[in-house]
C-alpha atoms as a PDB file:
ATOM      1  CA  MET A   1      -7.241  -9.525  -4.709  1.00  0.00           C
ATOM      2  CA  LEU A   2      -7.183  -7.554  -1.026  1.00  0.00           C
ATOM      3  CA  GLN A   3      -9.474  -5.047  -2.579  1.00  0.00           C
ATOM      4  CA  GLY A   4     -12.010  -7.566  -3.679  1.00  0.00           C
ATOM      5  CA  GLN A   5     -11.941  -9.106  -0.235  1.00  0.00           C
ATOM      6  CA  MET A   6     -12.725  -5.891   1.526  1.00  0.00           C
ATOM      7  CA  ARG A   7     -15.308  -5.101  -1.136  1.00  0.00           C
ATOM      8  CA  ARG A   8     -17.026  -8.469  -0.177  1.00  0.00           C
ATOM      9  CA  ALA A   9     -16.687  -7.862   3.333  1.00  0.00           C
ATOM     10  CA  ILE A  10     -18.691  -4.749   3.067  1.00  0.00           C
ATOM     11  CA  LEU A  11     -21.211  -5.979   0.922  1.00  0.00           C
ATOM     12  CA  GLU A  12     -21.921  -9.127   2.947  1.00  0.00           C
ATOM     13  CA  ASP A  13     -23.063  -7.187   6.184  1.00  0.00           C
ATOM     14  CA  GLN A  14     -26.497  -6.024   6.320  1.00  0.00           C
ATOM     15  CA  MET A  15     -25.788  -3.184   8.560  1.00  0.00           C
ATOM     16  CA  VAL A  16     -23.941  -1.087   5.859  1.00  0.00           C
ATOM     17  CA  SER A  17     -26.427  -2.315   2.818  1.00  0.00           C
ATOM     18  CA  GLY A  18     -27.122   0.538   0.478  1.00  0.00           C
ATOM     19  CA  LEU A  19     -23.937   2.588   1.152  1.00  0.00           C
ATOM     20  CA  THR A  20     -21.372   3.364  -1.364  1.00  0.00           C
ATOM     21  CA  ILE A  21     -18.168   2.622   0.291  1.00  0.00           C
ATOM     22  CA  SER A  22     -14.934   2.458  -1.858  1.00  0.00           C
ATOM     23  CA  PRO A  23     -12.119   0.119  -0.918  1.00  0.00           C
ATOM     24  CA  HIS A  24      -8.630   0.912  -1.791  1.00  0.00           C
ATOM     25  CA  VAL A  25      -5.263  -1.293  -1.379  1.00  0.00           C
ATOM     26  CA  TYR A  26      -1.899   0.076  -1.637  1.00  0.00           C
ATOM     27  CA  MET A  27       1.110  -2.330  -0.661  1.00  0.00           C
ATOM     28  CA  GLU A  28      -1.388  -4.292   1.691  1.00  0.00           C
ATOM     29  CA  ARG A  29      -2.508  -1.407   3.326  1.00  0.00           C
ATOM     30  CA  GLY A  30      -6.335  -0.783   3.205  1.00  0.00           C
ATOM     31  CA  PHE A  31      -8.361   2.329   3.003  1.00  0.00           C
ATOM     32  CA  VAL A  32     -12.118   2.911   3.088  1.00  0.00           C
ATOM     33  CA  VAL A  33     -13.708   6.068   1.751  1.00  0.00           C
ATOM     34  CA  GLY A  34     -17.407   6.901   1.892  1.00  0.00           C
ATOM     35  CA  PHE A  35     -20.582   8.501   3.348  1.00  0.00           C
ATOM     36  CA  VAL A  36     -22.165   6.485   6.405  1.00  0.00           C
ATOM     37  CA  ASN A  37     -25.502   7.336   8.082  1.00  0.00           C
ATOM     38  CA  SER A  38     -24.046   6.721  11.822  1.00  0.00           C
ATOM     39  CA  PRO A  39     -20.995   6.239  13.684  1.00  0.00           C
ATOM     40  CA  ASP A  40     -22.110   2.746  14.346  1.00  0.00           C
ATOM     41  CA  GLN A  41     -21.982   1.956  10.428  1.00  0.00           C
ATOM     42  CA  ALA A  42     -18.602   3.334  10.267  1.00  0.00           C
ATOM     43  CA  GLU A  43     -17.377   1.206  13.131  1.00  0.00           C
ATOM     44  CA  ALA A  44     -18.936  -1.746  11.602  1.00  0.00           C
ATOM     45  CA  ILE A  45     -17.455  -1.161   8.183  1.00  0.00           C
ATOM     46  CA  VAL A  46     -13.713  -0.859   9.944  1.00  0.00           C
ATOM     47  CA  ARG A  47     -14.462  -4.070  12.073  1.00  0.00           C
ATOM     48  CA  MET A  48     -15.607  -5.981   8.980  1.00  0.00           C
ATOM     49  CA  VAL A  49     -12.664  -4.749   6.937  1.00  0.00           C
ATOM     50  CA  LYS A  50      -9.983  -5.387   9.487  1.00  0.00           C
ATOM     51  CA  GLN A  51     -10.785  -9.087   9.171  1.00  0.00           C
ATOM     52  CA  VAL A  52      -9.609  -9.475   5.750  1.00  0.00           C
ATOM     53  CA  PRO A  53      -6.560 -11.403   5.818  1.00  0.00           C
ATOM     54  CA  GLY A  54      -3.171  -9.990   4.438  1.00  0.00           C
ATOM     55  CA  LEU A  55      -3.886  -6.292   5.178  1.00  0.00           C
ATOM     56  CA  ARG A  56      -1.189  -4.696   7.176  1.00  0.00           C
ATOM     57  CA  SER A  57      -3.166  -1.759   8.353  1.00  0.00           C
ATOM     58  CA  LEU A  58      -6.424   0.075   7.716  1.00  0.00           C
ATOM     59  CA  ASP A  59      -7.467   3.592   7.776  1.00  0.00           C
ATOM     60  CA  GLY A  60     -10.238   5.424   6.289  1.00  0.00           C
ATOM     61  CA  TYR A  61     -12.561   8.614   5.746  1.00  0.00           C
ATOM     62  CA  LEU A  62     -16.280   7.808   6.695  1.00  0.00           C
ATOM     63  CA  PRO A  63     -17.971  11.113   7.320  1.00  0.00           C
ATOM     64  CA  LEU A  64     -21.776  11.055   8.315  1.00  0.00           C
ATOM     65  CA  LYS A  65     -24.019  11.667   5.263  1.00  0.00           C
ATOM     66  CA  GLU A  66     -26.502  13.730   6.979  1.00  0.00           C
ATOM     67  CA  SER A  67     -23.797  16.547   7.258  1.00  0.00           C
ATOM     68  CA  ALA A  68     -23.396  16.862   3.609  1.00  0.00           C
ATOM     69  CA  THR A  69     -24.128  20.117   1.912  1.00  0.00           C
ATOM     70  CA  ARG A  70     -23.096  19.175  -1.679  1.00  0.00           C
ATOM     71  CA  SER A  71     -24.377  17.045  -4.644  1.00  0.00           C
ATOM     72  CA  THR A  72     -22.652  14.026  -5.743  1.00  0.00           C
ATOM     73  CA  ALA A  73     -22.261  15.532  -9.099  1.00  0.00           C
ATOM     74  CA  SER A  74     -20.476  18.540  -7.771  1.00  0.00           C
ATOM     75  CA  ASP A  75     -18.310  16.316  -6.027  1.00  0.00           C
ATOM     76  CA  LEU A  76     -17.378  14.197  -9.008  1.00  0.00           C
ATOM     77  CA  GLY A  77     -16.735  17.404 -11.188  1.00  0.00           C
ATOM     78  CA  LEU A  78     -14.347  18.501  -8.330  1.00  0.00           C
ATOM     79  CA  SER A  79     -12.633  15.023  -8.272  1.00  0.00           C
ATOM     80  CA  ALA A  80     -12.370  15.642 -12.166  1.00  0.00           C
ATOM     81  CA  GLU A  81     -10.905  18.848 -11.780  1.00  0.00           C
ATOM     82  CA  ILE A  82      -8.243  17.790  -9.183  1.00  0.00           C
ATOM     83  CA  LYS A  83      -7.180  14.905 -11.623  1.00  0.00           C
ATOM     84  CA  ALA A  84      -6.832  17.500 -14.335  1.00  0.00           C
ATOM     85  CA  THR A  85      -4.888  19.925 -12.370  1.00  0.00           C
ATOM     86  CA  LEU A  86      -2.431  16.831 -11.221  1.00  0.00           C
ATOM     87  CA  GLY A  87      -2.215  15.927 -14.843  1.00  0.00           C
ATOM     88  CA  LEU A  88      -0.822  19.325 -15.606  1.00  0.00           C
ATOM     89  CA  GLU A  89       2.057  19.008 -13.385  1.00  0.00           C
ATOM     90  CA  ALA A  90       5.010  17.356 -15.452  1.00  0.00           C
ATOM     91  CA  HIS A  91       6.461  15.847 -12.093  1.00  0.00           C
ATOM     92  CA  LEU A  92       3.323  14.236 -11.006  1.00  0.00           C
ATOM     93  CA  SER A  93       2.060  10.835 -12.311  1.00  0.00           C
ATOM     94  CA  ALA A  94      -1.867  11.634 -12.376  1.00  0.00           C
ATOM     95  CA  PRO A  95      -2.903   7.946 -13.150  1.00  0.00           C
ATOM     96  CA  ARG A  96      -1.074   6.886  -9.689  1.00  0.00           C
ATOM     97  CA  TYR A  97      -3.530   8.683  -7.516  1.00  0.00           C
ATOM     98  CA  ALA A  98      -7.085   8.026  -6.756  1.00  0.00           C
ATOM     99  CA  ILE A  99      -9.265  11.025  -6.062  1.00  0.00           C
ATOM    100  CA  GLU A 100     -12.369  10.639  -3.854  1.00  0.00           C
ATOM    101  CA  VAL A 101     -14.376  13.799  -2.793  1.00  0.00           C
ATOM    102  CA  LEU A 102     -17.085  13.905  -0.235  1.00  0.00           C
ATOM    103  CA  ASP A 103     -18.784  17.221   0.382  1.00  0.00           C
ATOM    104  CA  GLY A 104     -15.874  19.091  -1.059  1.00  0.00           C
ATOM    105  CA  HIS A 105     -13.465  17.324   1.057  1.00  0.00           C
ATOM    106  CA  ALA A 106     -10.615  15.648  -1.149  1.00  0.00           C
ATOM    107  CA  VAL A 107      -9.238  12.333  -0.109  1.00  0.00           C
ATOM    108  CA  LEU A 108      -6.275  11.382  -1.877  1.00  0.00           C
ATOM    109  CA  LEU A 109      -4.957   7.775  -2.251  1.00  0.00           C
ATOM    110  CA  GLY A 110      -2.116   6.080  -4.099  1.00  0.00           C
ATOM    111  CA  VAL A 111       1.597   5.513  -4.035  1.00  0.00           C
ATOM    112  CA  VAL A 112       4.110   8.253  -4.293  1.00  0.00           C
ATOM    113  CA  LEU A 113       7.893   7.940  -4.935  1.00  0.00           C
ATOM    114  CA  SER A 114       9.021  10.842  -2.453  1.00  0.00           C
ATOM    115  CA  GLN A 115       7.857  12.914   0.426  1.00  0.00           C
ATOM    116  CA  GLU A 116       8.002  15.962  -2.012  1.00  0.00           C
ATOM    117  CA  GLU A 117       5.666  14.222  -4.548  1.00  0.00           C
ATOM    118  CA  LYS A 118       3.229  13.625  -1.888  1.00  0.00           C
ATOM    119  CA  ARG A 119       3.456  17.496  -0.776  1.00  0.00           C
ATOM    120  CA  ALA A 120       3.005  18.641  -4.254  1.00  0.00           C
ATOM    121  CA  VAL A 121      -0.141  16.354  -4.794  1.00  0.00           C
ATOM    122  CA  GLU A 122      -1.711  17.640  -1.407  1.00  0.00           C
ATOM    123  CA  ARG A 123      -0.827  21.348  -2.429  1.00  0.00           C
ATOM    124  CA  ALA A 124      -2.316  20.728  -6.133  1.00  0.00           C
ATOM    125  CA  ALA A 125      -5.521  19.255  -4.577  1.00  0.00           C
ATOM    126  CA  ALA A 126      -5.579  22.041  -1.959  1.00  0.00           C
ATOM    127  CA  GLY A 127      -5.278  24.591  -4.448  1.00  0.00           C
ATOM    128  CA  VAL A 128      -8.659  23.645  -6.708  1.00  0.00           C
ATOM    129  CA  SER A 129     -11.405  25.869  -6.108  1.00  0.00           C
ATOM    130  CA  GLY A 130     -14.066  24.385  -4.191  1.00  0.00           C
ATOM    131  CA  VAL A 131     -11.929  21.873  -2.025  1.00  0.00           C
ATOM    132  CA  LYS A 132     -12.837  22.553   1.401  1.00  0.00           C
ATOM    133  CA  ALA A 133      -9.975  20.021   2.936  1.00  0.00           C
ATOM    134  CA  VAL A 134      -7.712  17.267   2.040  1.00  0.00           C
ATOM    135  CA  THR A 135      -7.106  13.949   3.595  1.00  0.00           C
ATOM    136  CA  SER A 136      -3.954  12.156   2.293  1.00  0.00           C
ATOM    137  CA  PHE A 137      -3.689   8.501   2.224  1.00  0.00           C
ATOM    138  CA  LEU A 138      -0.877   8.766  -0.081  1.00  0.00           C
ATOM    139  CA  VAL A 139       1.730   5.972   0.693  1.00  0.00           C
ATOM    140  CA  LEU A 140       5.512   6.230   0.167  1.00  0.00           C
ATOM    141  CA  ALA A 141       6.495   3.616  -2.103  1.00  0.00           C
ATOM    142  CA  GLU A 142       8.512   0.924  -0.299  1.00  0.00           C
ATOM    143  CA  GLU A 143      11.792  -0.467  -1.969  1.00  0.00           C
ATOM    144  CA  SER A 144      10.235  -3.862  -2.852  1.00  0.00           C
ATOM    145  CA  TYR A 145       7.090  -2.227  -4.387  1.00  0.00           C
ATOM    146  CA  VAL A 146       9.212  -0.079  -6.756  1.00  0.00           C
ATOM    147  CA  LYS A 147      11.552  -2.980  -7.382  1.00  0.00           C
ATOM    148  CA  HIS A 148       8.728  -4.891  -8.828  1.00  0.00           C
ATOM    149  CA  ARG A 149       7.420  -2.092 -11.048  1.00  0.00           C
ATOM    150  CA  PRO A 150      10.276  -0.985 -13.250  1.00  0.00           C
ATOM    151  CA  GLY A 151       7.921   1.309 -14.957  1.00  0.00           C
ATOM    152  CA  LEU A 152       6.994   3.239 -11.918  1.00  0.00           C
ATOM    153  CA  ARG A 153       8.490   6.826 -12.140  1.00  0.00           C
END
């Protein structure tokens, strides 16, 4: 529900119309990822989304589009390659992670059960050929989160 409210807040502002910004929420923590055309747009997105009631925090990766050197298609391919790499690791649960790639910069989102899992996901993503950098918004699962999701491994 919070993710939908974040999306609405972004879509309702004319200053950021035409941008593709992905909102994510994990344990009431909000994250926004996507290219912006100016620092003012990044500030507007953060300001709008912070007003969504129920979010405990907000973070994001909002680089300037004008500095991008790669195509969207190559970023999508790189995202798929990272996901496939994570899927090969028996101790990682690839479906729990969202991977966004912007100009070769991998942004990792999702819930992990331990610091070791977080480091393993970060290492795996950084090891994929073509990844320039990694930003990790992986959140350590809180006890109440795990308690209400018995199938979480």
